[in-house]
Amino acid sequence: MGSTLVAFVAILVICGVLMVLILVQPLSALITSPYGWLLLIKLSLVSLLLGIAAINKFYLVPRLTLSGYQSRLRATIGLEMIAGLAILIVTGYLSTVIGPP
């Protein structure tokens, strides 16, 4: 199941890159427009979320039987939830207040 999920994440990343190429023309608008800046912030948050998820899956979960790792996992899951909420807020703002250039 893990390899299937990795494949789905890879597909989502590829689709995201294609959407950026379609929506942001010229690509310099990524750093010259408010939409581009918010999109970069969103992409950074998604990268952070994926990084935390990888740490959880490959480092913390295999060590759950050891002392202290349950509280570490609980803390990183909290960070994941905060990052996910931030992604939803930025996405909502991008789609309702600011449109593509």
C-alpha atoms as a PDB file:
ATOM      1  CA  MET A   1       0.000   0.000   0.000  1.00  0.00           C
ATOM      2  CA  GLY A   2       2.872   2.380   0.746  1.00  0.00           C
ATOM      3  CA  SER A   3       4.227   2.284  -2.797  1.00  0.00           C
ATOM      4  CA  THR A   4       0.748   2.964  -4.164  1.00  0.00           C
ATOM      5  CA  LEU A   5       0.444   6.049  -1.983  1.00  0.00           C
ATOM      6  CA  VAL A   6       3.872   7.274  -3.083  1.00  0.00           C
ATOM      7  CA  ALA A   7       2.750   6.867  -6.705  1.00  0.00           C
ATOM      8  CA  PHE A   8      -0.414   8.883  -6.012  1.00  0.00           C
ATOM      9  CA  VAL A   9       1.615  11.661  -4.383  1.00  0.00           C
ATOM     10  CA  ALA A  10       3.969  11.694  -7.373  1.00  0.00           C
ATOM     11  CA  ILE A  11       0.987  11.976  -9.738  1.00  0.00           C
ATOM     12  CA  LEU A  12      -0.424  14.857  -7.674  1.00  0.00           C
ATOM     13  CA  VAL A  13       2.921  16.666  -7.788  1.00  0.00           C
ATOM     14  CA  ILE A  14       3.136  16.229 -11.569  1.00  0.00           C
ATOM     15  CA  CYS A  15      -0.439  17.515 -11.972  1.00  0.00           C
ATOM     16  CA  GLY A  16       0.401  20.496  -9.757  1.00  0.00           C
ATOM     17  CA  VAL A  17       3.428  21.374 -11.879  1.00  0.00           C
ATOM     18  CA  LEU A  18       1.334  21.124 -15.047  1.00  0.00           C
ATOM     19  CA  MET A  19      -1.335  23.385 -13.534  1.00  0.00           C
ATOM     20  CA  VAL A  20       1.317  25.981 -12.673  1.00  0.00           C
ATOM     21  CA  LEU A  21       2.588  25.856 -16.261  1.00  0.00           C
ATOM     22  CA  ILE A  22      -0.961  26.361 -17.536  1.00  0.00           C
ATOM     23  CA  LEU A  23      -2.169  29.009 -15.071  1.00  0.00           C
ATOM     24  CA  VAL A  24       0.923  31.154 -14.609  1.00  0.00           C
ATOM     25  CA  GLN A  25       1.980  32.742 -17.871  1.00  0.00           C
ATOM     26  CA  PRO A  26       4.658  33.963 -18.188  1.00  0.00           C
ATOM     27  CA  LEU A  27       6.477  31.950 -15.527  1.00  0.00           C
ATOM     28  CA  SER A  28       8.106  35.143 -14.264  1.00  0.00           C
ATOM     29  CA  ALA A  29       4.660  35.941 -12.822  1.00  0.00           C
ATOM     30  CA  LEU A  30       5.496  33.437 -10.071  1.00  0.00           C
ATOM     31  CA  ILE A  31       7.709  36.101  -8.507  1.00  0.00           C
ATOM     32  CA  THR A  32       6.162  39.267  -9.896  1.00  0.00           C
ATOM     33  CA  SER A  33       2.473  38.819  -9.032  1.00  0.00           C
ATOM     34  CA  PRO A  34       0.600  38.378  -5.766  1.00  0.00           C
ATOM     35  CA  TYR A  35      -0.935  35.168  -7.153  1.00  0.00           C
ATOM     36  CA  GLY A  36       2.531  33.803  -7.904  1.00  0.00           C
ATOM     37  CA  TRP A  37       3.832  34.615  -4.427  1.00  0.00           C
ATOM     38  CA  LEU A  38       0.857  32.961  -2.749  1.00  0.00           C
ATOM     39  CA  LEU A  39       1.224  29.958  -5.020  1.00  0.00           C
ATOM     40  CA  LEU A  40       4.876  29.654  -4.002  1.00  0.00           C
ATOM     41  CA  ILE A  41       3.835  29.887  -0.345  1.00  0.00           C
ATOM     42  CA  LYS A  42       1.271  27.132  -0.930  1.00  0.00           C
ATOM     43  CA  LEU A  43       3.847  24.947  -2.670  1.00  0.00           C
ATOM     44  CA  SER A  44       6.248  25.478   0.225  1.00  0.00           C
ATOM     45  CA  LEU A  45       3.563  24.442   2.697  1.00  0.00           C
ATOM     46  CA  VAL A  46       2.752  21.329   0.652  1.00  0.00           C
ATOM     47  CA  SER A  47       6.464  20.461   0.570  1.00  0.00           C
ATOM     48  CA  LEU A  48       6.626  20.907   4.336  1.00  0.00           C
ATOM     49  CA  LEU A  49       3.569  18.676   4.775  1.00  0.00           C
ATOM     50  CA  LEU A  50       5.067  15.952   2.568  1.00  0.00           C
ATOM     51  CA  GLY A  51       8.367  16.165   4.451  1.00  0.00           C
ATOM     52  CA  ILE A  52       6.681  15.790   7.823  1.00  0.00           C
ATOM     53  CA  ALA A  53       4.613  12.882   6.487  1.00  0.00           C
ATOM     54  CA  ALA A  54       7.776  11.159   5.253  1.00  0.00           C
ATOM     55  CA  ILE A  55       9.447  11.611   8.653  1.00  0.00           C
ATOM     56  CA  ASN A  56       6.386  10.130  10.318  1.00  0.00           C
ATOM     57  CA  LYS A  57       6.115   7.154   7.976  1.00  0.00           C
ATOM     58  CA  PHE A  58       9.770   6.218   7.630  1.00  0.00           C
ATOM     59  CA  TYR A  59      11.264   7.305  10.957  1.00  0.00           C
ATOM     60  CA  LEU A  60       8.733   7.709  13.745  1.00  0.00           C
ATOM     61  CA  VAL A  61       6.144   5.003  13.033  1.00  0.00           C
ATOM     62  CA  PRO A  62       8.718   2.167  12.880  1.00  0.00           C
ATOM     63  CA  ARG A  63       9.983   3.277  16.308  1.00  0.00           C
ATOM     64  CA  LEU A  64       6.640   3.576  18.085  1.00  0.00           C
ATOM     65  CA  THR A  65       7.457   0.737  20.451  1.00  0.00           C
ATOM     66  CA  LEU A  66      10.450   2.685  21.789  1.00  0.00           C
ATOM     67  CA  SER A  67      10.119   5.155  24.620  1.00  0.00           C
ATOM     68  CA  GLY A  68       9.290   8.732  23.658  1.00  0.00           C
ATOM     69  CA  TYR A  69       8.391   8.175  20.033  1.00  0.00           C
ATOM     70  CA  GLN A  70       4.622   8.255  20.595  1.00  0.00           C
ATOM     71  CA  SER A  71       4.821  11.828  21.864  1.00  0.00           C
ATOM     72  CA  ARG A  72       7.093  12.798  18.955  1.00  0.00           C
ATOM     73  CA  LEU A  73       4.622  11.323  16.484  1.00  0.00           C
ATOM     74  CA  ARG A  74       1.757  13.119  18.213  1.00  0.00           C
ATOM     75  CA  ALA A  75       3.661  16.417  17.920  1.00  0.00           C
ATOM     76  CA  THR A  76       4.484  15.965  14.238  1.00  0.00           C
ATOM     77  CA  ILE A  77       0.881  15.011  13.475  1.00  0.00           C
ATOM     78  CA  GLY A  78      -0.103  18.316  15.083  1.00  0.00           C
ATOM     79  CA  LEU A  79       2.363  20.090  12.776  1.00  0.00           C
ATOM     80  CA  GLU A  80       0.860  18.254   9.819  1.00  0.00           C
ATOM     81  CA  MET A  81      -2.609  19.449  10.789  1.00  0.00           C
ATOM     82  CA  ILE A  82      -1.404  23.052  11.095  1.00  0.00           C
ATOM     83  CA  ALA A  83       0.316  22.854   7.701  1.00  0.00           C
ATOM     84  CA  GLY A  84      -2.827  21.333   6.163  1.00  0.00           C
ATOM     85  CA  LEU A  85      -4.989  24.097   7.594  1.00  0.00           C
ATOM     86  CA  ALA A  86      -2.579  26.726   6.274  1.00  0.00           C
ATOM     87  CA  ILE A  87      -2.721  25.093   2.824  1.00  0.00           C
ATOM     88  CA  LEU A  88      -6.526  25.226   2.874  1.00  0.00           C
ATOM     89  CA  ILE A  89      -6.495  28.905   3.897  1.00  0.00           C
ATOM     90  CA  VAL A  90      -4.018  29.878   1.169  1.00  0.00           C
ATOM     91  CA  THR A  91      -5.916  27.819  -1.412  1.00  0.00           C
ATOM     92  CA  GLY A  92      -9.207  29.442  -0.455  1.00  0.00           C
ATOM     93  CA  TYR A  93      -7.662  32.887  -0.744  1.00  0.00           C
ATOM     94  CA  LEU A  94      -6.070  32.023  -4.107  1.00  0.00           C
ATOM     95  CA  SER A  95      -9.314  30.716  -5.547  1.00  0.00           C
ATOM     96  CA  THR A  96     -11.697  33.392  -4.263  1.00  0.00           C
ATOM     97  CA  VAL A  97      -9.802  36.636  -3.759  1.00  0.00           C
ATOM     98  CA  ILE A  98      -6.842  36.509  -6.137  1.00  0.00           C
ATOM     99  CA  GLY A  99      -7.045  34.848  -9.519  1.00  0.00           C
ATOM    100  CA  PRO A 100      -4.263  33.809 -11.870  1.00  0.00           C
ATOM    101  CA  PRO A 101      -2.528  36.682 -13.657  1.00  0.00           C
END
